[in-house]
mmCIF file of all heavy atoms, coordinates in Angstrom:
data_MODEL
# 
_entry.id   MODEL 
# 
loop_
_atom_site.group_PDB 
_atom_site.id 
_atom_site.type_symbol 
_atom_site.label_atom_id 
_atom_site.label_alt_id 
_atom_site.label_comp_id 
_atom_site.label_asym_id 
_atom_site.label_entity_id 
_atom_site.label_seq_id 
_atom_site.pdbx_PDB_ins_code 
_atom_site.Cartn_x 
_atom_site.Cartn_y 
_atom_site.Cartn_z 
_atom_site.occupancy 
_atom_site.B_iso_or_equiv 
_atom_site.pdbx_formal_charge 
_atom_site.auth_seq_id 
_atom_site.auth_comp_id 
_atom_site.auth_asym_id 
_atom_site.auth_atom_id 
_atom_site.pdbx_PDB_model_num 
ATOM 1   N N   . LYS A 1 1  ? -56.308 75.894 -21.779 1.00 0.00 ? 1  LYS A N   1 
ATOM 2   C CA  . LYS A 1 1  ? -56.407 76.329 -23.171 1.00 0.00 ? 1  LYS A CA  1 
ATOM 3   C C   . LYS A 1 1  ? -57.825 76.771 -23.487 1.00 0.00 ? 1  LYS A C   1 
ATOM 4   O O   . LYS A 1 1  ? -58.062 77.509 -24.444 1.00 0.00 ? 1  LYS A O   1 
ATOM 5   C CB  . LYS A 1 1  ? -55.961 75.201 -24.098 1.00 0.00 ? 1  LYS A CB  1 
ATOM 6   C CG  . LYS A 1 1  ? -54.509 74.761 -23.838 1.00 0.00 ? 1  LYS A CG  1 
ATOM 7   C CD  . LYS A 1 1  ? -54.035 73.709 -24.799 1.00 0.00 ? 1  LYS A CD  1 
ATOM 8   C CE  . LYS A 1 1  ? -53.637 74.300 -26.135 1.00 0.00 ? 1  LYS A CE  1 
ATOM 9   N NZ  . LYS A 1 1  ? -53.016 73.285 -27.030 1.00 0.00 ? 1  LYS A NZ  1 
ATOM 10  N N   . SER A 1 2  ? -58.780 76.319 -22.680 1.00 0.00 ? 2  SER A N   1 
ATOM 11  C CA  . SER A 1 2  ? -60.174 76.725 -22.797 1.00 0.00 ? 2  SER A CA  1 
ATOM 12  C C   . SER A 1 2  ? -60.873 76.290 -21.513 1.00 0.00 ? 2  SER A C   1 
ATOM 13  O O   . SER A 1 2  ? -60.238 75.686 -20.626 1.00 0.00 ? 2  SER A O   1 
ATOM 14  C CB  . SER A 1 2  ? -60.847 76.078 -24.013 1.00 0.00 ? 2  SER A CB  1 
ATOM 15  O OG  . SER A 1 2  ? -60.984 74.677 -23.808 1.00 0.00 ? 2  SER A OG  1 
ATOM 16  N N   . LEU A 1 3  ? -62.170 76.556 -21.415 1.00 0.00 ? 3  LEU A N   1 
ATOM 17  C CA  . LEU A 1 3  ? -62.927 76.163 -20.222 1.00 0.00 ? 3  LEU A CA  1 
ATOM 18  C C   . LEU A 1 3  ? -62.797 74.668 -19.946 1.00 0.00 ? 3  LEU A C   1 
ATOM 19  O O   . LEU A 1 3  ? -62.688 74.246 -18.791 1.00 0.00 ? 3  LEU A O   1 
ATOM 20  C CB  . LEU A 1 3  ? -64.405 76.531 -20.404 1.00 0.00 ? 3  LEU A CB  1 
ATOM 21  C CG  . LEU A 1 3  ? -65.361 76.066 -19.295 1.00 0.00 ? 3  LEU A CG  1 
ATOM 22  C CD1 . LEU A 1 3  ? -65.082 76.799 -17.999 1.00 0.00 ? 3  LEU A CD1 1 
ATOM 23  C CD2 . LEU A 1 3  ? -66.817 76.264 -19.729 1.00 0.00 ? 3  LEU A CD2 1 
ATOM 24  N N   . ASP A 1 4  ? -62.787 73.868 -20.991 1.00 0.00 ? 4  ASP A N   1 
ATOM 25  C CA  . ASP A 1 4  ? -62.820 72.419 -20.833 1.00 0.00 ? 4  ASP A CA  1 
ATOM 26  C C   . ASP A 1 4  ? -61.514 71.730 -21.197 1.00 0.00 ? 4  ASP A C   1 
ATOM 27  O O   . ASP A 1 4  ? -61.461 70.507 -21.284 1.00 0.00 ? 4  ASP A O   1 
ATOM 28  C CB  . ASP A 1 4  ? -63.967 71.832 -21.681 1.00 0.00 ? 4  ASP A CB  1 
ATOM 29  C CG  . ASP A 1 4  ? -65.325 72.291 -21.185 1.00 0.00 ? 4  ASP A CG  1 
ATOM 30  O OD1 . ASP A 1 4  ? -65.572 72.170 -19.972 1.00 0.00 ? 4  ASP A OD1 1 
ATOM 31  O OD2 . ASP A 1 4  ? -66.120 72.793 -22.002 1.00 0.00 ? 4  ASP A OD2 1 
ATOM 32  N N   . GLU A 1 5  ? -60.460 72.498 -21.419 1.00 0.00 ? 5  GLU A N   1 
ATOM 33  C CA  . GLU A 1 5  ? -59.184 71.887 -21.781 1.00 0.00 ? 5  GLU A CA  1 
ATOM 34  C C   . GLU A 1 5  ? -58.068 72.418 -20.894 1.00 0.00 ? 5  GLU A C   1 
ATOM 35  O O   . GLU A 1 5  ? -57.609 73.548 -21.053 1.00 0.00 ? 5  GLU A O   1 
ATOM 36  C CB  . GLU A 1 5  ? -58.836 72.140 -23.250 1.00 0.00 ? 5  GLU A CB  1 
ATOM 37  C CG  . GLU A 1 5  ? -57.591 71.390 -23.695 1.00 0.00 ? 5  GLU A CG  1 
ATOM 38  C CD  . GLU A 1 5  ? -57.251 71.599 -25.153 1.00 0.00 ? 5  GLU A CD  1 
ATOM 39  O OE1 . GLU A 1 5  ? -57.972 72.370 -25.835 1.00 0.00 ? 5  GLU A OE1 1 
ATOM 40  O OE2 . GLU A 1 5  ? -56.255 71.002 -25.618 1.00 0.00 ? 5  GLU A OE2 1 
ATOM 41  N N   . LEU A 1 6  ? -57.659 71.584 -19.942 1.00 0.00 ? 6  LEU A N   1 
ATOM 42  C CA  . LEU A 1 6  ? -56.522 71.883 -19.081 1.00 0.00 ? 6  LEU A CA  1 
ATOM 43  C C   . LEU A 1 6  ? -55.344 71.077 -19.599 1.00 0.00 ? 6  LEU A C   1 
ATOM 44  O O   . LEU A 1 6  ? -55.347 69.843 -19.572 1.00 0.00 ? 6  LEU A O   1 
ATOM 45  C CB  . LEU A 1 6  ? -56.827 71.505 -17.630 1.00 0.00 ? 6  LEU A CB  1 
ATOM 46  C CG  . LEU A 1 6  ? -55.741 71.847 -16.603 1.00 0.00 ? 6  LEU A CG  1 
ATOM 47  C CD1 . LEU A 1 6  ? -55.633 73.355 -16.427 1.00 0.00 ? 6  LEU A CD1 1 
ATOM 48  C CD2 . LEU A 1 6  ? -56.032 71.178 -15.262 1.00 0.00 ? 6  LEU A CD2 1 
ATOM 49  N N   . GLU A 1 7  ? -54.326 71.761 -20.115 1.00 0.00 ? 7  GLU A N   1 
ATOM 50  C CA  . GLU A 1 7  ? -53.162 71.057 -20.662 1.00 0.00 ? 7  GLU A CA  1 
ATOM 51  C C   . GLU A 1 7  ? -52.196 70.713 -19.540 1.00 0.00 ? 7  GLU A C   1 
ATOM 52  O O   . GLU A 1 7  ? -51.807 71.572 -18.752 1.00 0.00 ? 7  GLU A O   1 
ATOM 53  C CB  . GLU A 1 7  ? -52.461 71.905 -21.721 1.00 0.00 ? 7  GLU A CB  1 
ATOM 54  C CG  . GLU A 1 7  ? -51.305 71.157 -22.373 1.00 0.00 ? 7  GLU A CG  1 
ATOM 55  C CD  . GLU A 1 7  ? -50.737 71.876 -23.582 1.00 0.00 ? 7  GLU A CD  1 
ATOM 56  O OE1 . GLU A 1 7  ? -50.355 73.060 -23.444 1.00 0.00 ? 7  GLU A OE1 1 
ATOM 57  O OE2 . GLU A 1 7  ? -50.680 71.259 -24.662 1.00 0.00 ? 7  GLU A OE2 1 
ATOM 58  N N   . ILE A 1 8  ? -51.826 69.437 -19.490 1.00 0.00 ? 8  ILE A N   1 
ATOM 59  C CA  . ILE A 1 8  ? -50.915 68.925 -18.476 1.00 0.00 ? 8  ILE A CA  1 
ATOM 60  C C   . ILE A 1 8  ? -49.641 68.467 -19.169 1.00 0.00 ? 8  ILE A C   1 
ATOM 61  O O   . ILE A 1 8  ? -49.667 67.541 -19.990 1.00 0.00 ? 8  ILE A O   1 
ATOM 62  C CB  . ILE A 1 8  ? -51.535 67.712 -17.738 1.00 0.00 ? 8  ILE A CB  1 
ATOM 63  C CG1 . ILE A 1 8  ? -52.901 68.072 -17.159 1.00 0.00 ? 8  ILE A CG1 1 
ATOM 64  C CG2 . ILE A 1 8  ? -50.587 67.191 -16.679 1.00 0.00 ? 8  ILE A CG2 1 
ATOM 65  C CD1 . ILE A 1 8  ? -52.851 69.021 -16.013 1.00 0.00 ? 8  ILE A CD1 1 
ATOM 66  N N   . LEU A 1 9  ? -48.537 69.112 -18.878 1.00 0.00 ? 9  LEU A N   1 
ATOM 67  C CA  . LEU A 1 9  ? -47.246 68.713 -19.429 1.00 0.00 ? 9  LEU A CA  1 
ATOM 68  C C   . LEU A 1 9  ? -46.422 68.117 -18.295 1.00 0.00 ? 9  LEU A C   1 
ATOM 69  O O   . LEU A 1 9  ? -45.929 68.835 -17.425 1.00 0.00 ? 9  LEU A O   1 
ATOM 70  C CB  . LEU A 1 9  ? -46.533 69.913 -20.054 1.00 0.00 ? 9  LEU A CB  1 
ATOM 71  C CG  . LEU A 1 9  ? -47.256 70.576 -21.239 1.00 0.00 ? 9  LEU A CG  1 
ATOM 72  C CD1 . LEU A 1 9  ? -46.534 71.850 -21.649 1.00 0.00 ? 9  LEU A CD1 1 
ATOM 73  C CD2 . LEU A 1 9  ? -47.367 69.610 -22.409 1.00 0.00 ? 9  LEU A CD2 1 
ATOM 74  N N   . GLU A 1 10 ? -46.297 66.784 -18.285 1.00 0.00 ? 10 GLU A N   1 
ATOM 75  C CA  . GLU A 1 10 ? -45.567 66.116 -17.212 1.00 0.00 ? 10 GLU A CA  1 
ATOM 76  C C   . GLU A 1 10 ? -44.083 66.441 -17.262 1.00 0.00 ? 10 GLU A C   1 
ATOM 77  O O   . GLU A 1 10 ? -43.414 66.522 -16.229 1.00 0.00 ? 10 GLU A O   1 
ATOM 78  C CB  . GLU A 1 10 ? -45.758 64.600 -17.332 1.00 0.00 ? 10 GLU A CB  1 
ATOM 79  C CG  . GLU A 1 10 ? -47.211 64.158 -17.351 1.00 0.00 ? 10 GLU A CG  1 
ATOM 80  C CD  . GLU A 1 10 ? -47.357 62.805 -18.037 1.00 0.00 ? 10 GLU A CD  1 
ATOM 81  O OE1 . GLU A 1 10 ? -46.424 61.990 -17.951 1.00 0.00 ? 10 GLU A OE1 1 
ATOM 82  O OE2 . GLU A 1 10 ? -48.403 62.585 -18.666 1.00 0.00 ? 10 GLU A OE2 1 
ATOM 83  N N   . ASP A 1 11 ? -43.575 66.585 -18.483 1.00 0.00 ? 11 ASP A N   1 
ATOM 84  C CA  . ASP A 1 11 ? -42.165 66.936 -18.676 1.00 0.00 ? 11 ASP A CA  1 
ATOM 85  C C   . ASP A 1 11 ? -42.125 68.045 -19.724 1.00 0.00 ? 11 ASP A C   1 
ATOM 86  O O   . ASP A 1 11 ? -41.863 67.809 -20.895 1.00 0.00 ? 11 ASP A O   1 
ATOM 87  C CB  . ASP A 1 11 ? -41.379 65.706 -19.143 1.00 0.00 ? 11 ASP A CB  1 
ATOM 88  C CG  . ASP A 1 11 ? -39.865 65.947 -19.139 1.00 0.00 ? 11 ASP A CG  1 
ATOM 89  O OD1 . ASP A 1 11 ? -39.431 66.970 -18.552 1.00 0.00 ? 11 ASP A OD1 1 
ATOM 90  O OD2 . ASP A 1 11 ? -39.130 65.131 -19.718 1.00 0.00 ? 11 ASP A OD2 1 
ATOM 91  N N   . GLY A 1 12 ? -42.435 69.246 -19.269 1.00 0.00 ? 12 GLY A N   1 
ATOM 92  C CA  . GLY A 1 12 ? -42.591 70.354 -20.198 1.00 0.00 ? 12 GLY A CA  1 
ATOM 93  C C   . GLY A 1 12 ? -41.524 71.417 -20.052 1.00 0.00 ? 12 GLY A C   1 
ATOM 94  O O   . GLY A 1 12 ? -40.587 71.290 -19.252 1.00 0.00 ? 12 GLY A O   1 
ATOM 95  N N   . PHE A 1 13 ? -41.688 72.472 -20.818 1.00 0.00 ? 13 PHE A N   1 
ATOM 96  C CA  . PHE A 1 13 ? -40.766 73.601 -20.715 1.00 0.00 ? 13 PHE A CA  1 
ATOM 97  C C   . PHE A 1 13 ? -41.509 74.885 -21.072 1.00 0.00 ? 13 PHE A C   1 
ATOM 98  O O   . PHE A 1 13 ? -42.477 74.880 -21.828 1.00 0.00 ? 13 PHE A O   1 
ATOM 99  C CB  . PHE A 1 13 ? -39.552 73.422 -21.643 1.00 0.00 ? 13 PHE A CB  1 
ATOM 100 C CG  . PHE A 1 13 ? -39.830 73.721 -23.091 1.00 0.00 ? 13 PHE A CG  1 
ATOM 101 C CD1 . PHE A 1 13 ? -39.608 74.999 -23.615 1.00 0.00 ? 13 PHE A CD1 1 
ATOM 102 C CD2 . PHE A 1 13 ? -40.335 72.737 -23.941 1.00 0.00 ? 13 PHE A CD2 1 
ATOM 103 C CE1 . PHE A 1 13 ? -39.866 75.287 -24.951 1.00 0.00 ? 13 PHE A CE1 1 
ATOM 104 C CE2 . PHE A 1 13 ? -40.591 73.012 -25.267 1.00 0.00 ? 13 PHE A CE2 1 
ATOM 105 C CZ  . PHE A 1 13 ? -40.360 74.292 -25.779 1.00 0.00 ? 13 PHE A CZ  1 
ATOM 106 N N   . VAL A 1 14 ? -41.042 75.989 -20.497 1.00 0.00 ? 14 VAL A N   1 
ATOM 107 C CA  . VAL A 1 14 ? -41.478 77.332 -20.873 1.00 0.00 ? 14 VAL A CA  1 
ATOM 108 C C   . VAL A 1 14 ? -40.226 78.183 -20.975 1.00 0.00 ? 14 VAL A C   1 
ATOM 109 O O   . VAL A 1 14 ? -39.469 78.327 -20.004 1.00 0.00 ? 14 VAL A O   1 
ATOM 110 C CB  . VAL A 1 14 ? -42.455 77.951 -19.852 1.00 0.00 ? 14 VAL A CB  1 
ATOM 111 C CG1 . VAL A 1 14 ? -42.852 79.360 -20.280 1.00 0.00 ? 14 VAL A CG1 1 
ATOM 112 C CG2 . VAL A 1 14 ? -43.699 77.081 -19.672 1.00 0.00 ? 14 VAL A CG2 1 
ATOM 113 N N   . ALA A 1 15 ? -39.992 78.736 -22.159 1.00 0.00 ? 15 ALA A N   1 
ATOM 114 C CA  . ALA A 1 15 ? -38.837 79.597 -22.388 1.00 0.00 ? 15 ALA A CA  1 
ATOM 115 C C   . ALA A 1 15 ? -39.281 81.048 -22.352 1.00 0.00 ? 15 ALA A C   1 
ATOM 116 O O   . ALA A 1 15 ? -40.242 81.431 -23.037 1.00 0.00 ? 15 ALA A O   1 
ATOM 117 C CB  . ALA A 1 15 ? -38.199 79.267 -23.730 1.00 0.00 ? 15 ALA A CB  1 
ATOM 118 N N   . VAL A 1 16 ? -38.595 81.853 -21.544 1.00 0.00 ? 16 VAL A N   1 
ATOM 119 C CA  . VAL A 1 16 ? -38.966 83.254 -21.332 1.00 0.00 ? 16 VAL A CA  1 
ATOM 120 C C   . VAL A 1 16 ? -37.810 84.150 -21.761 1.00 0.00 ? 16 VAL A C   1 
ATOM 121 O O   . VAL A 1 16 ? -36.667 83.961 -21.335 1.00 0.00 ? 16 VAL A O   1 
ATOM 122 C CB  . VAL A 1 16 ? -39.307 83.521 -19.851 1.00 0.00 ? 16 VAL A CB  1 
ATOM 123 C CG1 . VAL A 1 16 ? -39.709 84.973 -19.649 1.00 0.00 ? 16 VAL A CG1 1 
ATOM 124 C CG2 . VAL A 1 16 ? -40.406 82.576 -19.380 1.00 0.00 ? 16 VAL A CG2 1 
ATOM 125 N N   . ASP A 1 17 ? -38.128 85.119 -22.616 1.00 0.00 ? 17 ASP A N   1 
ATOM 126 C CA  . ASP A 1 17 ? -37.120 86.058 -23.104 1.00 0.00 ? 17 ASP A CA  1 
ATOM 127 C C   . ASP A 1 17 ? -37.646 87.471 -22.924 1.00 0.00 ? 17 ASP A C   1 
ATOM 128 O O   . ASP A 1 17 ? -38.678 87.841 -23.495 1.00 0.00 ? 17 ASP A O   1 
ATOM 129 C CB  . ASP A 1 17 ? -36.824 85.779 -24.580 1.00 0.00 ? 17 ASP A CB  1 
ATOM 130 C CG  . ASP A 1 17 ? -35.656 86.610 -25.120 1.00 0.00 ? 17 ASP A CG  1 
ATOM 131 O OD1 . ASP A 1 17 ? -35.172 87.504 -24.398 1.00 0.00 ? 17 ASP A OD1 1 
ATOM 132 O OD2 . ASP A 1 17 ? -35.244 86.379 -26.270 1.00 0.00 ? 17 ASP A OD2 1 
ATOM 133 N N   . ASP A 1 18 ? -36.962 88.254 -22.087 1.00 0.00 ? 18 ASP A N   1 
ATOM 134 C CA  . ASP A 1 18 ? -37.343 89.647 -21.839 1.00 0.00 ? 18 ASP A CA  1 
ATOM 135 C C   . ASP A 1 18 ? -38.796 89.759 -21.383 1.00 0.00 ? 18 ASP A C   1 
ATOM 136 O O   . ASP A 1 18 ? -39.542 90.633 -21.824 1.00 0.00 ? 18 ASP A O   1 
ATOM 137 C CB  . ASP A 1 18 ? -37.109 90.484 -23.094 1.00 0.00 ? 18 ASP A CB  1 
ATOM 138 C CG  . ASP A 1 18 ? -37.147 91.984 -22.809 1.00 0.00 ? 18 ASP A CG  1 
ATOM 139 O OD1 . ASP A 1 18 ? -36.860 92.376 -21.661 1.00 0.00 ? 18 ASP A OD1 1 
ATOM 140 O OD2 . ASP A 1 18 ? -37.497 92.749 -23.735 1.00 0.00 ? 18 ASP A OD2 1 
ATOM 141 N N   . GLY A 1 19 ? -39.203 88.875 -20.486 1.00 0.00 ? 19 GLY A N   1 
ATOM 142 C CA  . GLY A 1 19 ? -40.527 88.941 -19.880 1.00 0.00 ? 19 GLY A CA  1 
ATOM 143 C C   . GLY A 1 19 ? -41.633 88.278 -20.662 1.00 0.00 ? 19 GLY A C   1 
ATOM 144 O O   . GLY A 1 19 ? -42.744 88.136 -20.163 1.00 0.00 ? 19 GLY A O   1 
ATOM 145 N N   . LYS A 1 20 ? -41.354 87.850 -21.904 1.00 0.00 ? 20 LYS A N   1 
ATOM 146 C CA  . LYS A 1 20 ? -42.368 87.219 -22.744 1.00 0.00 ? 20 LYS A CA  1 
ATOM 147 C C   . LYS A 1 20 ? -42.063 85.741 -22.962 1.00 0.00 ? 20 LYS A C   1 
ATOM 148 O O   . LYS A 1 20 ? -40.900 85.314 -22.921 1.00 0.00 ? 20 LYS A O   1 
ATOM 149 C CB  . LYS A 1 20 ? -42.455 87.915 -24.112 1.00 0.00 ? 20 LYS A CB  1 
ATOM 150 C CG  . LYS A 1 20 ? -43.121 89.268 -24.064 1.00 0.00 ? 20 LYS A CG  1 
ATOM 151 C CD  . LYS A 1 20 ? -43.346 89.798 -25.476 1.00 0.00 ? 20 LYS A CD  1 
ATOM 152 C CE  . LYS A 1 20 ? -44.100 91.127 -25.459 1.00 0.00 ? 20 LYS A CE  1 
ATOM 153 N NZ  . LYS A 1 20 ? -44.349 91.622 -26.829 1.00 0.00 ? 20 LYS A NZ  1 
ATOM 154 N N   . ILE A 1 21 ? -43.122 84.989 -23.191 1.00 0.00 ? 21 ILE A N   1 
ATOM 155 C CA  . ILE A 1 21 ? -42.964 83.568 -23.479 1.00 0.00 ? 21 ILE A CA  1 
ATOM 156 C C   . ILE A 1 21 ? -42.513 83.424 -24.929 1.00 0.00 ? 21 ILE A C   1 
ATOM 157 O O   . ILE A 1 21 ? -43.224 83.825 -25.859 1.00 0.00 ? 21 ILE A O   1 
ATOM 158 C CB  . ILE A 1 21 ? -44.287 82.820 -23.247 1.00 0.00 ? 21 ILE A CB  1 
ATOM 159 C CG1 . ILE A 1 21 ? -44.716 82.964 -21.780 1.00 0.00 ? 21 ILE A CG1 1 
ATOM 160 C CG2 . ILE A 1 21 ? -44.144 81.342 -23.625 1.00 0.00 ? 21 ILE A CG2 1 
ATOM 161 C CD1 . ILE A 1 21 ? -46.142 82.555 -21.512 1.00 0.00 ? 21 ILE A CD1 1 
ATOM 162 N N   . TYR A 1 22 ? -41.326 82.867 -25.096 1.00 0.00 ? 22 TYR A N   1 
ATOM 163 C CA  . TYR A 1 22 ? -40.780 82.682 -26.441 1.00 0.00 ? 22 TYR A CA  1 
ATOM 164 C C   . TYR A 1 22 ? -41.272 81.365 -27.037 1.00 0.00 ? 22 TYR A C   1 
ATOM 165 O O   . TYR A 1 22 ? -41.586 81.281 -28.228 1.00 0.00 ? 22 TYR A O   1 
ATOM 166 C CB  . TYR A 1 22 ? -39.257 82.710 -26.394 1.00 0.00 ? 22 TYR A CB  1 
ATOM 167 C CG  . TYR A 1 22 ? -38.605 82.544 -27.746 1.00 0.00 ? 22 TYR A CG  1 
ATOM 168 C CD1 . TYR A 1 22 ? -38.524 83.615 -28.624 1.00 0.00 ? 22 TYR A CD1 1 
ATOM 169 C CD2 . TYR A 1 22 ? -38.083 81.309 -28.142 1.00 0.00 ? 22 TYR A CD2 1 
ATOM 170 C CE1 . TYR A 1 22 ? -37.940 83.469 -29.877 1.00 0.00 ? 22 TYR A CE1 1 
ATOM 171 C CE2 . TYR A 1 22 ? -37.497 81.155 -29.381 1.00 0.00 ? 22 TYR A CE2 1 
ATOM 172 C CZ  . TYR A 1 22 ? -37.431 82.230 -30.254 1.00 0.00 ? 22 TYR A CZ  1 
ATOM 173 O OH  . TYR A 1 22 ? -36.856 82.089 -31.488 1.00 0.00 ? 22 TYR A OH  1 
ATOM 174 N N   . ALA A 1 23 ? -41.315 80.331 -26.208 1.00 0.00 ? 23 ALA A N   1 
ATOM 175 C CA  . ALA A 1 23 ? -41.783 79.023 -26.663 1.00 0.00 ? 23 ALA A CA  1 
ATOM 176 C C   . ALA A 1 23 ? -42.206 78.219 -25.448 1.00 0.00 ? 23 ALA A C   1 
ATOM 177 O O   . ALA A 1 23 ? -41.727 78.443 -24.336 1.00 0.00 ? 23 ALA A O   1 
ATOM 178 C CB  . ALA A 1 23 ? -40.688 78.285 -27.430 1.00 0.00 ? 23 ALA A CB  1 
ATOM 179 N N   . ALA A 1 24 ? -43.106 77.259 -25.658 1.00 0.00 ? 24 ALA A N   1 
ATOM 180 C CA  . ALA A 1 24 ? -43.561 76.384 -24.580 1.00 0.00 ? 24 ALA A CA  1 
ATOM 181 C C   . ALA A 1 24 ? -44.072 75.089 -25.190 1.00 0.00 ? 24 ALA A C   1 
ATOM 182 O O   . ALA A 1 24 ? -44.568 75.073 -26.318 1.00 0.00 ? 24 ALA A O   1 
ATOM 183 C CB  . ALA A 1 24 ? -44.664 77.057 -23.760 1.00 0.00 ? 24 ALA A CB  1 
ATOM 184 N N   . GLY A 1 25 ? -43.925 74.006 -24.446 1.00 0.00 ? 25 GLY A N   1 
ATOM 185 C CA  . GLY A 1 25 ? -44.417 72.735 -24.946 1.00 0.00 ? 25 GLY A CA  1 
ATOM 186 C C   . GLY A 1 25 ? -43.832 71.580 -24.185 1.00 0.00 ? 25 GLY A C   1 
ATOM 187 O O   . GLY A 1 25 ? -43.297 71.733 -23.075 1.00 0.00 ? 25 GLY A O   1 
ATOM 188 N N   . ASP A 1 26 ? -43.939 70.386 -24.776 1.00 0.00 ? 26 ASP A N   1 
ATOM 189 C CA  . ASP A 1 26 ? -43.360 69.200 -24.183 1.00 0.00 ? 26 ASP A CA  1 
ATOM 190 C C   . ASP A 1 26 ? -41.838 69.228 -24.395 1.00 0.00 ? 26 ASP A C   1 
ATOM 191 O O   . ASP A 1 26 ? -41.344 69.759 -25.394 1.00 0.00 ? 26 ASP A O   1 
ATOM 192 C CB  . ASP A 1 26 ? -43.955 67.948 -24.826 1.00 0.00 ? 26 ASP A CB  1 
ATOM 193 C CG  . ASP A 1 26 ? -43.553 66.690 -24.089 1.00 0.00 ? 26 ASP A CG  1 
ATOM 194 O OD1 . ASP A 1 26 ? -44.200 66.371 -23.079 1.00 0.00 ? 26 ASP A OD1 1 
ATOM 195 O OD2 . ASP A 1 26 ? -42.566 66.050 -24.516 1.00 0.00 ? 26 ASP A OD2 1 
# 
């Protein structure tokens, strides 16, 4: 998310619609 913030989602999701990220999170 920045130089000093690496987001780690142990049980996450990324939703992709027509090549774009529609939603992402835990």
